[in-house]
Structure formats: structure tokens, C-alpha cells
Amino acid sequence: MKKILILFLSIVIFSCKKEEKGFSDYLRSLDTLVLPQKFSLNSTMNSSNKYDSILFKKYKHRWTYAPYGIAFNNERIVGIIEYSIADNGLAPFLITFDNNGNKIDSLNILGNSSFGMKGQTLESAILDTNLKLVVIDSSKSWQVDIDANKIPNTTKLRVSTTIYKIQKNGKIKKIK
């Protein structure tokens, strides 16, 4: 009788133990994106269809709202695109992880986009198959009168390009 009781209790204890889900389970719940991926304030991003919301909370960037999908996944690193909802549209973030789910680096892809009384900055970006991220920044500025009205013929335009490269170690390095 004692052996049966021990066997019964062992079965109950082991069956009650929940197997903890990990990073590989989270990755399986995400959509895979096709590169190149383009981003702008007018981008439409839907969250991955069947993402695990509990695991998202565990692995997400602190400012993001939902995962868009896996941008790349190789033998050393994984890149996930997530997004937040900003005042002027969706804000995509690139987060890199090692294969165990440890965060390596992150970047707010359109982080310089802004609107103000004396100007605006719009950005667009493309992440290509070589894991190079090209961000084009278009900034307009103008003068305003005492009533905060735009003064005609004072608009200046500045366009710049910033290039990032995702390194083999997962770091996102600005190269230009």
C-alpha cells in the first residue's frame, strides 16, 4: 500500500508541474517577416497573428505595444520588429537577442520623427537582406511671426541618411 501511495503522489506532483515556456516558444508564436522591410510613419503594422502575449511581456522592449514579427534569425542572433503607438503614427523598434532570449541591443527605427511649430522631421527606413538599416531623415524648418504663423519663403529643407549595420554579435552599429 505504501508503494502505491508513493507512486500516486509522484504522478500527481509531476503532472501538476507546469513546463515553463521559453524564448523558442515565443519565437514560434511570431510571424516571420520577409526582407527587405520598409518603415515610415504611414506604415501599417499588425501584430503577429498568434503571438504569445505572456511571453511578449517577458521579452518585449519596455516601450513597445505589440510584436510585428521576426526580421531575421540565424545561428547566433534573432532580430524582432515590435512597435509602439506614438503621437504621430506607429513607431517600429528593432530588438536583437541571442538565441537564449537575452536582449543584446535595440533601436527606435524612426526615433527622430517629430512635428513642431517651427518645423517637422519625417523619417523612412528600409531593413535589407544584408541586415543593413538605411534611415532617411527629411527635416523642414521655418520661421514664425509673433502670432505663430509660418512666414512665407522661410522654409529650409535638410535631407540626411544614416546607415546602421546589425553586427554578427547582435549589436546595432551606426556606420554612417
Protein backbone atom coordinates (compact mmCIF):
# COMPACT_ATOMS: atom_id res chain seq x y z
CA MET A 1 0.00 0.00 0.00
CA LYS A 2 2.86 2.39 0.85
CA LYS A 3 4.42 1.89 -2.62
CA ILE A 4 1.11 2.61 -4.33
CA LEU A 5 0.66 5.81 -2.30
CA ILE A 6 4.20 6.98 -3.18
CA LEU A 7 3.61 6.19 -6.85
CA PHE A 8 0.28 8.03 -6.81
CA LEU A 9 1.75 11.12 -5.13
CA SER A 10 4.69 11.13 -7.55
CA ILE A 11 2.33 11.08 -10.53
CA VAL A 12 0.22 13.89 -9.08
CA ILE A 13 3.25 16.08 -8.32
CA PHE A 14 4.83 15.62 -11.76
CA SER A 15 1.55 16.14 -13.61
CA CYS A 16 0.88 19.38 -11.71
CA LYS A 17 4.25 20.87 -12.60
CA LYS A 18 3.82 23.31 -15.46
CA GLU A 19 6.55 23.30 -18.03
CA GLU A 20 7.84 26.85 -18.31
CA LYS A 21 7.75 28.28 -21.80
CA GLY A 22 10.86 29.97 -23.11
CA PHE A 23 12.28 32.06 -25.91
CA SER A 24 11.98 29.35 -28.57
CA ASP A 25 8.25 29.06 -27.76
CA TYR A 26 7.94 32.83 -28.11
CA LEU A 27 9.68 32.76 -31.50
CA ARG A 28 7.33 30.02 -32.71
CA SER A 29 4.38 32.29 -31.88
CA LEU A 30 5.67 35.13 -34.09
CA ASP A 31 5.22 35.71 -37.81
CA THR A 32 8.34 35.69 -39.97
CA LEU A 33 8.86 38.88 -41.97
CA VAL A 34 10.29 38.98 -45.47
CA LEU A 35 13.25 41.31 -46.02
CA PRO A 36 13.57 43.97 -47.24
CA GLN A 37 11.12 45.69 -44.87
CA LYS A 38 10.19 49.36 -45.31
CA PHE A 39 9.12 51.64 -42.47
CA SER A 40 7.55 55.11 -42.32
CA LEU A 41 5.05 56.94 -40.13
CA ASN A 42 2.34 55.78 -42.53
CA SER A 43 3.36 52.12 -42.26
CA THR A 44 0.67 49.69 -41.31
CA MET A 45 1.91 47.06 -38.93
CA ASN A 46 -0.30 44.39 -37.50
CA SER A 47 0.80 42.28 -34.59
CA SER A 48 1.86 38.71 -35.30
CA ASN A 49 -1.29 36.63 -35.73
CA LYS A 50 -0.80 34.17 -32.88
CA TYR A 51 1.82 35.75 -30.66
CA ASP A 52 2.01 34.59 -27.07
CA SER A 53 1.05 37.69 -25.06
CA ILE A 54 2.52 36.35 -21.82
CA LEU A 55 5.89 35.66 -23.44
CA PHE A 56 5.71 39.02 -25.24
CA LYS A 57 5.54 40.73 -21.84
CA LYS A 58 8.63 38.78 -20.80
CA TYR A 59 10.76 39.60 -23.87
CA LYS A 60 9.36 42.92 -25.15
CA HIS A 61 11.10 46.25 -25.29
CA ARG A 62 9.79 48.41 -22.44
CA TRP A 63 8.19 50.96 -24.78
CA THR A 64 6.51 48.66 -27.29
CA TYR A 65 2.89 47.66 -27.67
CA ALA A 66 2.99 44.52 -29.83
CA PRO A 67 5.35 42.33 -31.88
CA TYR A 68 5.27 42.72 -35.66
CA GLY A 69 7.46 39.71 -36.39
CA ILE A 70 10.88 38.12 -36.78
CA ALA A 71 13.06 40.11 -39.17
CA PHE A 72 15.97 37.66 -39.09
CA ASN A 73 17.03 34.56 -37.22
CA ASN A 74 20.41 32.90 -37.65
CA GLU A 75 22.67 30.61 -35.67
CA ARG A 76 23.79 33.43 -33.33
CA ILE A 77 21.16 36.16 -33.15
CA VAL A 78 17.49 36.95 -33.67
CA GLY A 79 16.04 40.31 -34.72
CA ILE A 80 12.44 41.10 -33.86
CA ILE A 81 10.44 44.12 -35.01
CA GLU A 82 8.00 45.43 -32.42
CA TYR A 83 6.04 48.66 -32.46
CA SER A 84 4.64 51.25 -30.15
CA ILE A 85 1.83 53.68 -30.78
CA ALA A 86 3.22 57.21 -30.93
CA ASP A 87 1.59 60.62 -31.26
CA ASN A 88 2.38 60.75 -34.96
CA GLY A 89 1.89 57.11 -36.03
CA LEU A 90 3.40 53.71 -35.38
CA ALA A 91 6.95 53.62 -34.09
CA PRO A 92 8.85 50.47 -35.13
CA PHE A 93 11.63 49.14 -32.92
CA LEU A 94 14.32 46.62 -33.83
CA ILE A 95 15.37 44.45 -30.91
CA THR A 96 18.19 41.90 -31.16
CA PHE A 97 18.53 38.84 -28.93
CA ASP A 98 20.89 35.94 -28.57
CA ASN A 99 19.30 32.53 -29.14
CA ASN A 100 18.60 32.16 -25.41
CA GLY A 101 16.40 35.26 -25.34
CA ASN A 102 18.88 37.69 -23.80
CA LYS A 103 18.47 41.19 -25.22
CA ILE A 104 21.55 42.48 -26.97
CA ASP A 105 20.53 45.81 -28.47
CA SER A 106 17.56 47.87 -29.66
CA LEU A 107 16.79 50.82 -31.89
CA ASN A 108 13.74 53.04 -32.30
CA ILE A 109 13.92 52.99 -36.10
CA LEU A 110 12.06 56.27 -36.73
CA GLY A 111 13.08 57.88 -33.45
CA ASN A 112 13.82 61.34 -34.84
CA SER A 113 10.39 61.89 -36.42
CA SER A 114 8.74 64.94 -34.88
CA PHE A 115 6.37 67.83 -35.51
CA GLY A 116 6.54 71.30 -34.04
CA MET A 117 5.55 74.90 -34.54
CA LYS A 118 8.82 75.73 -36.32
CA GLY A 119 9.42 72.52 -38.23
CA GLN A 120 8.94 68.85 -38.82
CA THR A 121 11.15 65.83 -39.31
CA LEU A 122 9.96 62.79 -41.22
CA GLU A 123 11.91 59.59 -41.46
CA SER A 124 11.63 56.48 -43.56
CA ALA A 125 13.77 53.36 -43.39
CA ILE A 126 14.49 50.06 -45.04
CA LEU A 127 16.00 46.94 -43.48
CA ASP A 128 17.60 44.86 -46.23
CA THR A 129 18.63 41.23 -46.54
CA ASN A 130 22.25 42.08 -45.58
CA LEU A 131 20.96 43.34 -42.20
CA LYS A 132 21.72 46.91 -43.13
CA LEU A 133 19.21 49.53 -41.99
CA VAL A 134 19.10 52.75 -44.00
CA VAL A 135 17.21 55.64 -42.40
CA ILE A 136 16.42 58.74 -44.49
CA ASP A 137 15.66 61.87 -42.50
CA SER A 138 13.86 64.78 -44.16
CA SER A 139 13.66 67.89 -41.97
CA LYS A 140 11.85 71.12 -42.78
CA SER A 141 12.20 74.23 -40.67
CA TRP A 142 10.64 77.67 -40.98
CA GLN A 143 10.29 80.93 -39.17
CA VAL A 144 7.09 82.04 -37.49
CA ASP A 145 5.73 85.51 -36.76
CA ILE A 146 4.62 86.80 -33.38
CA ASP A 147 1.23 85.06 -33.82
CA ALA A 148 2.96 81.72 -34.54
CA ASN A 149 2.05 81.84 -38.25
CA LYS A 150 4.51 80.40 -40.73
CA ILE A 151 6.39 83.16 -42.55
CA PRO A 152 6.34 82.56 -46.34
CA ASN A 153 9.61 81.79 -48.11
CA THR A 154 11.47 80.88 -44.90
CA THR A 155 11.28 77.10 -45.30
CA LYS A 156 14.56 75.21 -45.33
CA LEU A 157 14.90 71.53 -46.18
CA ARG A 158 17.63 69.20 -44.95
CA VAL A 159 17.87 65.56 -46.01
CA SER A 160 20.30 63.14 -44.41
CA THR A 161 20.92 59.42 -44.42
CA THR A 162 22.01 57.27 -41.51
CA ILE A 163 23.11 53.69 -42.04
CA TYR A 164 23.16 51.01 -39.35
CA LYS A 165 24.54 47.51 -39.64
CA ILE A 166 23.48 44.63 -37.41
CA GLN A 167 26.76 43.05 -36.35
CA LYS A 168 27.32 39.31 -36.01
CA ASN A 169 27.24 39.75 -32.22
CA GLY A 170 23.79 41.41 -32.40
CA LYS A 171 24.91 44.97 -31.74
CA ILE A 172 23.32 47.63 -33.96
CA LYS A 173 26.21 49.79 -35.13
CA LYS A 174 25.87 53.19 -36.80
CA ILE A 175 28.23 53.09 -39.80
CA LYS A 176 27.32 56.41 -41.49
